[in-house]
Protein backbone atom coordinates (compact mmCIF):
# COMPACT_ATOMS: atom_id res chain seq x y z
CA TYR A 1 -35.47 0.90 39.04
CA GLY A 2 -34.77 0.97 35.32
CA PHE A 3 -38.40 1.91 34.53
CA ALA A 4 -38.37 4.79 37.04
CA LYS A 5 -35.03 5.97 35.69
CA ASN A 6 -36.38 6.09 32.14
CA ILE A 7 -39.43 8.09 33.31
CA GLN A 8 -37.10 10.58 34.99
CA ARG A 9 -35.01 10.86 31.79
CA GLY A 10 -38.18 11.56 29.82
CA ARG A 11 -39.22 14.29 32.26
CA ILE A 12 -35.82 15.96 32.02
CA TYR A 13 -35.92 15.76 28.21
CA ARG A 14 -39.34 17.45 28.15
CA LEU A 15 -38.18 20.19 30.50
CA VAL A 16 -35.02 20.91 28.49
CA HIS A 17 -36.75 20.72 25.12
CA LYS A 18 -40.20 22.11 25.95
CA ASP A 19 -39.85 24.97 23.48
CA PHE A 20 -38.70 22.55 20.78
CA LYS A 21 -41.71 20.30 21.44
CA ARG A 22 -44.18 23.16 21.42
CA ASP A 23 -42.92 24.52 18.06
CA THR A 24 -42.70 21.19 16.23
CA THR A 25 -46.29 20.20 17.05
CA LYS A 26 -47.38 22.89 14.61
CA PRO A 27 -46.76 22.88 10.85
CA LYS A 28 -44.75 26.10 11.19
CA MET A 29 -41.84 25.15 8.90
CA LEU A 30 -44.14 23.91 6.14
CA ASN A 31 -45.52 27.43 5.73
CA GLU A 32 -42.14 29.18 5.72
CA SER A 33 -40.39 30.46 2.65
CA SER A 34 -37.35 28.73 1.22
CA ALA A 35 -35.20 31.62 2.41
CA GLN A 36 -36.46 31.10 5.98
CA LEU A 37 -35.72 27.39 5.72
CA VAL A 38 -32.11 28.15 4.71
CA ALA A 39 -31.72 30.15 7.91
CA HIS A 40 -32.78 27.11 9.94
CA LEU A 41 -29.73 25.23 8.66
CA GLU A 42 -27.82 27.16 11.34
CA HIS A 43 -30.26 26.22 14.11
CA PRO A 44 -28.52 24.77 17.22
CA ASN A 45 -30.99 21.84 17.26
CA GLY A 46 -30.31 19.05 14.80
CA TRP A 47 -33.99 18.30 14.15
CA TRP A 48 -34.53 21.83 12.79
CA ARG A 49 -31.49 21.57 10.54
CA ASP A 50 -32.44 18.13 9.21
CA THR A 51 -36.07 19.07 8.62
CA ALA A 52 -35.15 22.32 6.88
CA GLN A 53 -32.72 20.48 4.61
CA LYS A 54 -35.35 17.83 3.76
CA LEU A 55 -37.97 20.45 2.88
CA LEU A 56 -35.52 22.41 0.74
CA VAL A 57 -34.55 19.30 -1.21
CA LEU A 58 -38.21 18.38 -1.73
CA ARG A 59 -38.97 21.87 -3.00
CA ALA A 60 -35.92 21.95 -5.25
CA ASP A 61 -36.13 25.75 -5.22
CA LYS A 62 -33.02 26.99 -7.07
CA SER A 63 -33.67 30.59 -6.00
CA VAL A 64 -31.87 29.88 -2.70
CA VAL A 65 -28.65 28.63 -4.33
CA PRO A 66 -26.76 31.91 -3.68
CA ALA A 67 -27.86 31.86 -0.02
CA LEU A 68 -26.82 28.22 0.35
CA GLU A 69 -23.43 28.88 -1.21
CA LYS A 70 -22.93 31.87 1.08
CA MET A 71 -23.76 29.78 4.14
CA ALA A 72 -21.50 26.93 2.98
CA ARG A 73 -18.68 29.44 2.66
CA SER A 74 -19.07 31.75 5.64
CA SER A 75 -21.19 30.22 8.38
CA LYS A 76 -19.29 29.97 11.65
CA LEU A 77 -21.02 26.63 12.36
CA ASP A 78 -19.32 23.77 10.54
CA LEU A 79 -22.52 21.72 10.74
CA ALA A 80 -24.38 24.49 8.92
CA ARG A 81 -21.75 24.54 6.19
CA MET A 82 -22.21 20.80 5.80
CA HIS A 83 -26.01 21.07 5.65
CA ALA A 84 -25.76 23.82 3.04
CA LEU A 85 -23.36 21.71 0.99
CA TRP A 86 -25.61 18.66 1.07
CA THR A 87 -28.67 20.76 0.27
CA LEU A 88 -26.91 22.07 -2.84
CA GLU A 89 -26.19 18.45 -3.79
CA GLY A 90 -29.80 17.45 -3.09
CA ILE A 91 -31.37 20.11 -5.32
CA GLY A 92 -28.88 19.42 -8.13
CA ALA A 93 -27.11 22.79 -7.81
CA LEU A 94 -23.69 21.58 -6.64
CA THR A 95 -20.83 22.31 -9.06
CA PRO A 96 -17.34 20.78 -9.32
CA GLU A 97 -15.84 24.22 -8.69
CA PHE A 98 -17.73 24.57 -5.41
CA VAL A 99 -16.74 21.06 -4.31
CA ARG A 100 -13.09 21.91 -4.95
CA GLU A 101 -13.55 25.08 -2.91
CA LYS A 102 -14.92 23.10 0.04
CA PHE A 103 -11.98 20.71 -0.16
CA LYS A 104 -10.09 23.62 1.43
CA ASP A 105 -12.56 24.22 4.27
CA GLU A 106 -10.91 24.75 7.64
CA HIS A 107 -12.96 21.98 9.28
CA ALA A 108 -12.11 18.34 8.48
CA SER A 109 -15.77 17.25 8.65
CA VAL A 110 -16.69 19.70 5.90
CA ARG A 111 -13.78 18.55 3.73
CA ARG A 112 -14.88 14.96 4.25
CA ALA A 113 -18.46 15.83 3.35
CA ALA A 114 -17.24 17.59 0.20
CA ILE A 115 -15.51 14.38 -0.92
CA ARG A 116 -18.71 12.39 -0.42
CA ALA A 117 -20.82 15.02 -2.18
CA GLY A 118 -18.35 14.93 -5.05
CA GLU A 119 -19.21 11.27 -5.60
CA THR A 120 -22.58 12.33 -7.04
CA LEU A 121 -20.92 14.64 -9.55
CA TYR A 122 -18.39 11.99 -10.53
CA LYS A 123 -21.15 9.48 -11.20
CA ALA A 124 -22.93 12.12 -13.29
CA GLY A 125 -19.92 12.43 -15.59
CA GLN A 126 -17.63 14.94 -13.83
CA THR A 127 -14.74 12.48 -13.88
CA ASP A 128 -12.15 15.26 -13.77
CA LEU A 129 -12.83 15.32 -10.01
CA GLN A 130 -10.84 12.10 -9.70
CA LYS A 131 -7.56 14.00 -9.46
CA ASP A 132 -8.89 16.35 -6.77
CA ILE A 133 -10.47 13.58 -4.68
CA SER A 134 -7.26 11.54 -4.91
CA ALA A 135 -5.23 14.55 -3.77
CA MET A 136 -7.33 14.70 -0.59
CA ALA A 137 -5.64 11.47 0.52
CA LYS A 138 -2.71 13.70 1.50
CA ASP A 139 -4.89 15.69 3.93
CA THR A 140 -3.34 16.02 7.38
CA ASP A 141 -6.57 14.82 9.03
CA PRO A 142 -6.72 10.98 9.03
CA ASP A 143 -10.53 10.93 8.60
CA VAL A 144 -10.29 13.00 5.41
CA ALA A 145 -7.52 10.79 4.05
CA ILE A 146 -9.60 7.69 4.83
CA GLN A 147 -12.64 9.17 3.09
CA SER A 148 -10.53 9.85 0.00
CA MET A 149 -9.44 6.21 -0.06
CA LEU A 150 -12.98 4.94 0.49
CA THR A 151 -14.35 7.12 -2.31
CA ALA A 152 -11.56 6.06 -4.66
CA LYS A 153 -12.45 2.42 -3.99
CA LEU A 154 -16.20 3.03 -4.29
CA LEU A 155 -15.85 4.81 -7.62
CA GLN A 156 -13.21 2.33 -8.79
CA PHE A 157 -10.61 4.89 -9.75
CA PRO A 158 -8.10 3.13 -12.07
CA ASN A 159 -5.25 3.88 -9.66
CA TYR A 160 -7.11 3.38 -6.38
CA LYS A 161 -4.89 0.51 -5.20
CA GLU A 162 -1.74 2.56 -5.72
CA LEU A 163 -3.42 5.55 -4.03
CA VAL A 164 -4.39 3.45 -1.01
CA SER A 165 -0.89 1.98 -0.73
CA ALA A 166 0.86 5.34 -1.05
CA THR A 167 -1.49 6.95 1.50
CA ALA A 168 -0.72 4.26 4.06
CA ASP A 169 3.03 4.56 3.46
CA ALA A 170 2.96 8.34 3.91
CA SER A 171 0.74 8.35 7.02
CA SER A 172 1.62 7.78 10.66
CA SER A 173 -2.04 7.09 11.52
CA ASN A 174 -2.88 3.53 12.54
CA GLY A 175 -6.41 4.11 11.33
CA VAL A 176 -5.25 5.04 7.85
CA LYS A 177 -3.00 1.99 7.72
CA THR A 178 -5.74 -0.34 8.95
CA ILE A 179 -8.32 0.92 6.43
CA SER A 180 -5.69 0.77 3.70
CA LYS A 181 -5.02 -2.86 4.54
CA MET A 182 -8.73 -3.68 4.34
CA LEU A 183 -9.19 -1.87 1.04
CA ARG A 184 -6.29 -3.76 -0.49
CA GLY A 185 -7.71 -7.13 0.47
CA GLY A 186 -5.72 -7.73 3.64
CA LYS A 187 -2.21 -6.86 2.55
CA SER A 188 -0.30 -5.06 5.22
CA PRO A 189 1.11 -1.59 4.42
CA ILE A 190 4.31 -2.40 6.27
CA PRO A 191 6.25 -5.66 6.61
CA PRO A 192 4.83 -8.18 9.11
CA ARG A 193 6.46 -8.70 12.50
CA MET A 194 8.92 -5.89 11.91
CA SER A 195 11.68 -5.95 14.50
CA ASN A 196 12.61 -2.75 16.32
CA GLU A 197 15.76 -2.52 14.21
CA GLN A 198 13.84 -2.99 10.96
CA LEU A 199 11.20 -0.47 12.02
CA ALA A 200 13.88 2.16 12.71
CA GLN A 201 15.48 1.45 9.34
CA PHE A 202 12.11 1.61 7.58
CA LYS A 203 11.30 5.00 9.12
CA LYS A 204 14.72 6.41 8.25
CA GLY A 205 14.33 5.22 4.65
CA LYS A 206 10.88 6.80 4.49
CA THR A 207 12.34 10.16 5.53
CA ILE A 208 15.08 9.91 2.89
CA TYR A 209 12.58 9.01 0.19
CA ALA A 210 10.25 11.88 1.10
CA SER A 211 13.08 14.42 1.00
CA LEU A 212 14.89 13.25 -2.15
CA CYS A 213 13.61 10.28 -4.15
CA PHE A 214 9.99 11.38 -4.52
CA SER A 215 11.00 14.23 -6.86
CA CYS A 216 11.65 11.67 -9.62
CA HIS A 217 9.82 8.55 -8.47
CA GLY A 218 6.73 10.31 -7.08
CA ALA A 219 5.04 10.14 -3.69
CA ASP A 220 3.11 7.08 -4.88
CA GLY A 221 6.23 5.34 -6.25
CA LYS A 222 4.83 5.32 -9.80
CA GLY A 223 7.23 7.91 -11.18
CA MET A 224 6.69 11.67 -11.23
CA GLN A 225 4.57 12.67 -14.22
CA VAL A 226 6.02 15.41 -16.45
CA THR A 227 5.09 17.00 -19.77
CA ASP A 228 7.68 17.20 -22.56
CA ALA A 229 8.13 20.02 -25.08
CA LYS A 230 5.46 18.50 -27.34
CA GLY A 231 2.88 18.39 -24.56
CA LYS A 232 3.13 14.63 -24.12
CA LYS A 233 2.91 13.29 -20.57
CA GLN A 234 5.46 10.75 -19.37
CA ARG A 235 7.05 9.44 -16.20
CA MET A 236 10.28 11.00 -14.98
CA ALA A 237 11.58 7.69 -13.62
CA PRO A 238 10.57 4.00 -13.44
CA SER A 239 7.71 2.91 -11.23
CA PHE A 240 8.45 0.96 -8.06
CA VAL A 241 5.00 -0.67 -8.24
CA ASN A 242 5.43 -4.31 -9.34
CA SER A 243 9.00 -3.55 -10.43
CA LYS A 244 10.72 -6.72 -11.59
CA MET A 245 14.18 -5.29 -10.99
CA LEU A 246 13.40 -4.00 -7.50
CA ASN A 247 11.84 -7.30 -6.42
CA ALA A 248 14.47 -9.52 -8.02
CA HIS A 249 17.90 -10.24 -6.56
CA PRO A 250 18.60 -7.81 -3.67
CA ASP A 251 22.04 -6.84 -5.00
CA LEU A 252 20.50 -5.27 -8.12
CA ALA A 253 18.94 -2.34 -6.28
CA VAL A 254 22.11 -1.80 -4.23
CA LYS A 255 24.22 -1.61 -7.39
CA VAL A 256 21.82 0.88 -8.98
CA VAL A 257 21.99 3.24 -5.99
CA LEU A 258 25.77 2.96 -5.66
CA HIS A 259 26.66 3.45 -9.34
CA GLY A 260 23.50 4.59 -11.15
CA ILE A 261 21.85 3.10 -14.24
CA THR A 262 21.64 4.25 -17.85
CA GLY A 263 19.62 3.26 -20.90
CA PRO A 264 16.20 1.62 -21.20
CA ILE A 265 14.71 -0.09 -18.15
CA GLU A 266 12.19 -2.89 -18.69
CA GLY A 267 11.77 -1.71 -22.27
CA LYS A 268 11.18 1.99 -21.48
CA THR A 269 13.40 5.05 -21.77
CA TYR A 270 13.01 7.86 -19.22
CA PRO A 271 13.97 11.56 -19.38
CA GLY A 272 15.70 11.31 -16.02
CA GLU A 273 18.70 9.08 -15.35
CA MET A 274 19.50 7.50 -12.01
CA ILE A 275 22.80 9.02 -10.92
CA ALA A 276 25.32 7.34 -8.64
CA MET A 277 24.64 7.93 -4.96
CA GLY A 278 27.52 5.90 -3.61
CA SER A 279 28.85 8.95 -1.79
CA ASN A 280 26.19 8.27 0.83
CA GLY A 281 27.06 5.81 3.58
CA ASP A 282 26.13 2.13 3.69
CA GLU A 283 23.50 2.74 6.37
CA TRP A 284 21.82 5.44 4.23
CA VAL A 285 21.67 3.18 1.16
CA ALA A 286 20.33 0.24 3.17
CA ALA A 287 17.62 2.37 4.78
CA VAL A 288 16.17 3.92 1.63
CA LEU A 289 16.21 0.60 -0.24
CA SER A 290 14.57 -1.23 2.65
CA TYR A 291 11.80 1.36 2.62
CA VAL A 292 11.22 1.11 -1.14
CA LYS A 293 11.34 -2.70 -1.14
CA ASN A 294 8.60 -2.75 1.51
CA SER A 295 6.36 0.04 0.19
CA PHE A 296 4.10 0.69 -2.81
CA GLY A 297 2.74 -2.84 -2.58
CA ASN A 298 6.20 -4.47 -2.41
CA GLN A 299 7.17 -7.06 0.20
CA SER A 300 10.66 -8.12 -0.84
CA GLY A 301 12.74 -8.02 2.32
CA PHE A 302 15.26 -5.71 3.95
CA ILE A 303 18.74 -4.62 2.88
CA THR A 304 21.34 -4.60 5.65
CA THR A 305 24.30 -2.31 6.05
CA GLN A 306 26.49 -5.40 5.63
CA ASP A 307 24.82 -6.13 2.28
CA VAL A 308 25.71 -2.66 1.00
CA GLU A 309 29.25 -2.89 2.35
CA ARG A 310 29.81 -6.21 0.56
CA VAL A 311 28.41 -5.03 -2.78
CA ARG A 312 30.46 -1.83 -2.56
CA LYS A 313 33.68 -3.79 -2.04
CA GLU A 314 32.89 -6.29 -4.81
CA ASN A 315 32.40 -3.44 -7.29
CA ALA A 316 34.97 -0.98 -5.98
CA ASP A 317 36.59 -0.60 -9.42
CA ARG A 318 33.38 0.35 -11.23
CA LYS A 319 33.40 3.95 -12.47
CA LYS A 320 30.35 4.13 -14.74
CA PRO A 321 26.59 3.48 -14.45
CA TRP A 322 25.18 0.03 -15.05
CA THR A 323 22.98 -0.96 -17.96
CA GLU A 324 20.02 -3.24 -17.34
CA ALA A 325 21.71 -6.09 -19.23
CA GLU A 326 24.92 -5.74 -17.19
CA LEU A 327 22.98 -5.72 -13.93
CA LYS A 328 21.00 -8.86 -14.69
CA ALA A 329 24.13 -10.71 -15.78
CA SER A 330 25.98 -9.74 -12.59
CA VAL A 331 23.78 -11.61 -10.07
CA PRO A 332 22.66 -15.21 -9.64
CA GLN A 333 20.03 -16.25 -12.18
CA VAL A 334 16.78 -18.08 -11.49
CA ILE A 335 16.88 -21.65 -12.81
CA ALA A 336 14.13 -21.62 -15.42
CA ASN A 337 13.05 -25.25 -16.02
CA ARG A 338 10.63 -25.57 -13.09
CA LYS A 339 8.08 -27.56 -15.11
CA LYS A 340 10.51 -30.47 -15.02
CA TRP A 341 11.00 -30.35 -11.26
CA LYS A 342 9.45 -32.85 -8.87
CA LEU A 343 8.47 -31.60 -5.42
CA SER A 344 7.74 -33.55 -2.25
CA ALA A 345 7.26 -32.56 1.37
CA SER A 346 7.04 -33.91 4.90
CA HIS A 347 3.47 -32.55 5.22
CA LYS A 348 0.78 -32.54 2.48
CA SER A 349 3.29 -33.69 -0.09
CA GLY A 350 0.69 -33.85 -2.86
CA GLU A 351 0.24 -30.09 -2.66
CA ALA A 352 3.95 -29.23 -2.82
CA LYS A 353 3.77 -28.56 -6.58
CA ARG A 354 1.77 -25.42 -5.82
CA ALA A 355 5.05 -23.81 -4.82
CA ILE A 356 6.26 -23.85 -8.44
CA ASP A 357 3.05 -23.20 -10.40
CA GLY A 358 4.02 -19.61 -11.23
CA ALA A 359 1.01 -18.12 -9.41
CA LEU A 360 1.50 -16.00 -6.30
CA ASP A 361 -2.14 -16.45 -5.31
CA THR A 362 -1.68 -20.18 -4.74
CA ARG A 363 0.56 -21.79 -2.16
CA TYR A 364 1.96 -24.91 -0.62
CA THR A 365 1.30 -24.97 3.11
CA THR A 366 2.00 -27.46 5.88
CA GLY A 367 -1.58 -27.18 7.17
CA GLU A 368 -0.39 -27.04 10.77
CA GLY A 369 1.83 -24.88 12.93
CA MET A 370 5.56 -24.73 12.23
CA LYS A 371 7.78 -27.17 14.05
CA PRO A 372 11.37 -28.33 13.55
CA GLY A 373 11.84 -31.04 10.93
CA MET A 374 9.23 -29.97 8.39
CA TRP A 375 10.78 -30.08 4.92
CA VAL A 376 10.22 -29.43 1.23
CA GLN A 377 12.37 -31.19 -1.38
CA VAL A 378 13.14 -30.36 -5.01
CA GLU A 379 14.22 -33.10 -7.43
CA LEU A 380 15.86 -31.63 -10.55
CA PRO A 381 15.93 -33.50 -13.90
CA LYS A 382 19.72 -33.77 -13.64
CA GLU A 383 22.61 -32.58 -11.51
CA THR A 384 22.70 -28.79 -11.67
CA LYS A 385 24.89 -26.09 -10.19
CA VAL A 386 22.87 -24.38 -7.44
CA ALA A 387 23.89 -21.16 -5.69
CA GLY A 388 20.77 -20.04 -3.84
CA VAL A 389 17.14 -20.55 -2.78
CA ILE A 390 14.26 -18.04 -2.78
CA LEU A 391 11.24 -18.73 -0.56
CA ASP A 392 8.37 -16.31 -1.23
CA SER A 393 5.39 -16.45 1.13
CA ALA A 394 3.75 -13.55 -0.76
CA ASN A 395 0.10 -13.26 0.30
CA SER A 396 0.69 -15.32 3.46
CA LEU A 397 2.89 -12.58 4.85
CA LYS A 398 3.67 -14.12 8.24
CA ASP A 399 4.15 -17.71 7.09
CA PHE A 400 7.89 -17.40 6.40
CA PRO A 401 10.18 -20.02 8.02
CA ARG A 402 11.39 -19.35 11.56
CA GLY A 403 14.83 -20.56 10.54
CA CYS A 404 15.81 -23.26 8.06
CA GLU A 405 18.55 -25.59 6.83
CA ILE A 406 19.44 -26.47 3.24
CA GLN A 407 20.98 -29.78 2.19
CA PHE A 408 22.09 -31.23 -1.15
CA SER A 409 22.23 -34.72 -2.60
CA ALA A 410 23.10 -36.47 -5.85
CA ASP A 411 20.87 -39.50 -5.19
CA GLY A 412 18.26 -38.41 -2.65
CA LYS A 413 19.78 -40.69 0.01
CA ASN A 414 23.16 -39.30 0.95
CA TRP A 415 22.92 -35.68 2.08
CA SER A 416 25.47 -32.93 2.60
CA GLN A 417 26.02 -31.11 5.86
CA PRO A 418 23.25 -28.53 6.25
CA ILE A 419 23.68 -24.85 5.52
CA LYS A 420 21.94 -23.11 8.40
CA HIS A 421 19.92 -19.93 7.96
CA LYS A 422 18.50 -17.88 10.82
CA GLU A 423 15.00 -16.46 10.79
CA LYS A 424 14.66 -13.47 8.50
CA ARG A 425 11.53 -11.44 9.18
CA SER A 426 10.48 -11.03 5.61
CA PRO A 427 7.85 -12.72 3.40
CA LYS A 428 10.53 -13.11 0.73
CA VAL A 429 13.65 -14.93 1.91
CA THR A 430 16.72 -15.18 -0.34
CA ILE A 431 19.47 -17.56 0.81
CA GLU A 432 22.74 -17.69 -1.14
CA PHE A 433 25.66 -20.07 -0.70
CA PRO A 434 28.80 -21.20 -2.54
CA GLU A 435 27.83 -22.90 -5.79
CA ARG A 436 27.57 -26.68 -5.70
CA LYS A 437 26.22 -29.50 -7.85
CA ALA A 438 23.06 -31.25 -6.76
CA ARG A 439 20.09 -33.09 -8.15
CA TYR A 440 18.14 -32.92 -4.90
CA VAL A 441 17.73 -29.82 -2.72
CA ARG A 442 15.96 -30.09 0.64
CA ILE A 443 14.83 -27.09 2.71
CA THR A 444 14.07 -27.98 6.34
CA GLN A 445 12.13 -25.61 8.62
CA THR A 446 13.84 -25.39 12.05
CA GLY A 447 11.66 -23.01 14.08
CA THR A 448 8.45 -23.25 16.07
CA HIS A 449 5.34 -21.12 15.52
CA ARG A 450 1.55 -21.52 15.68
CA LEU A 451 1.27 -20.31 12.06
CA PHE A 452 1.59 -22.62 9.05
CA TRP A 453 4.74 -22.67 6.95
CA SER A 454 3.70 -21.54 3.47
CA ILE A 455 5.53 -21.17 0.16
CA HIS A 456 3.75 -19.34 -2.65
CA GLU A 457 6.76 -19.54 -4.97
CA LEU A 458 10.05 -21.43 -4.65
CA ASN A 459 13.02 -20.66 -6.90
CA LEU A 460 16.56 -21.95 -7.13
CA LEU A 461 19.47 -19.78 -8.25
CA GLN A 462 22.54 -20.35 -10.41
CA ALA A 463 25.71 -18.32 -10.04
CA PRO A 464 26.32 -15.67 -12.73
CA GLU A 465 28.71 -16.63 -15.50
CA LYS A 466 32.28 -15.58 -14.85
CA LYS A 467 33.89 -13.35 -17.49
């Protein structure tokens, strides 16, 4: 049956394409002029178009460049415009100006082809195309945006990781987000296991950022680039990419939005100054900060409306912007002597020290699915005042604890009543509590999940000094 069916298909193909078969058995195209071959690039049959393009490239006849450019501009057939574009590239007649022109073609396939053709020019030294190719990541067609990301990665643009991240954040296309994740080595463009509430907050924050914050901080979160009176380029505002302040204690960012910040930030001075935006409601502040803290490569948790309400009340008397020094002194500080700590664990105890090695690309992991009773213990060199714990699962985005308890001890035998913490769907979990003295701190995982419990970095916090 299959054999007979294939014979019938062959008969139908010969009937439909009999004219095509008759013409291609003769060396007709070989004897045609280059101008005639250009005309075949608009042929409805793909074999004619492909063969004409191949012959034109082999001839490398530059006399047809004007005709090719005209076809690439005005042909009603998008496939013909693409063939003309690639033929120009093949005979070495494609220019950066023409590529930029085709970036504006009405058909997405032609725009995508123009990006790929531009790769040849970039490799030949036309590196000024980087800006134009990167800008195509904002194209409304997902395939064009994806091609821009792929080309940026292929050509190793210096900012390709930031471009890929920003493109994913700005797009609603699952395809764009998936390709972005792959290009960045598996990191997700949005927080893992986002709850419906968190997703709604994330989307609201994204809208706020796109309508207001981007004007200073840029669509890619790196800070809008401006030129001063002397022609020197600089950033209007600090970058959110790998920002120490943004990814540190969650109250810092809330305080900045509520009251503003003045002076140098991480050693740099900016022409713009972050003004107070406390006139906006707690929900507004929480939404935009949650978006920023989970975009541009960041994965540092969500801010709740209750967080903003608390910080607002605690600083109700403040009337002026913060300085960086004031901000850092106002929140719990990370205890710095981790080299002197001793770590142990209920599972794979010998690997527990990986949680304090200062490298986010290493981790302590239980090696088996989460279950209640798994624990990690810190032994400090002496009794120390402790006011919080930070558990960062970093590159193991979904390996955060499904709930945990924290206990304290002076001797490692007699333990305090546990402080219970519910699951927080974030790869970076910060748990604060009233300050207490302890030499031993034990964190016990209380949930159940098929995934491992992993800790890339573990930090303990001390309360800020009271003035």
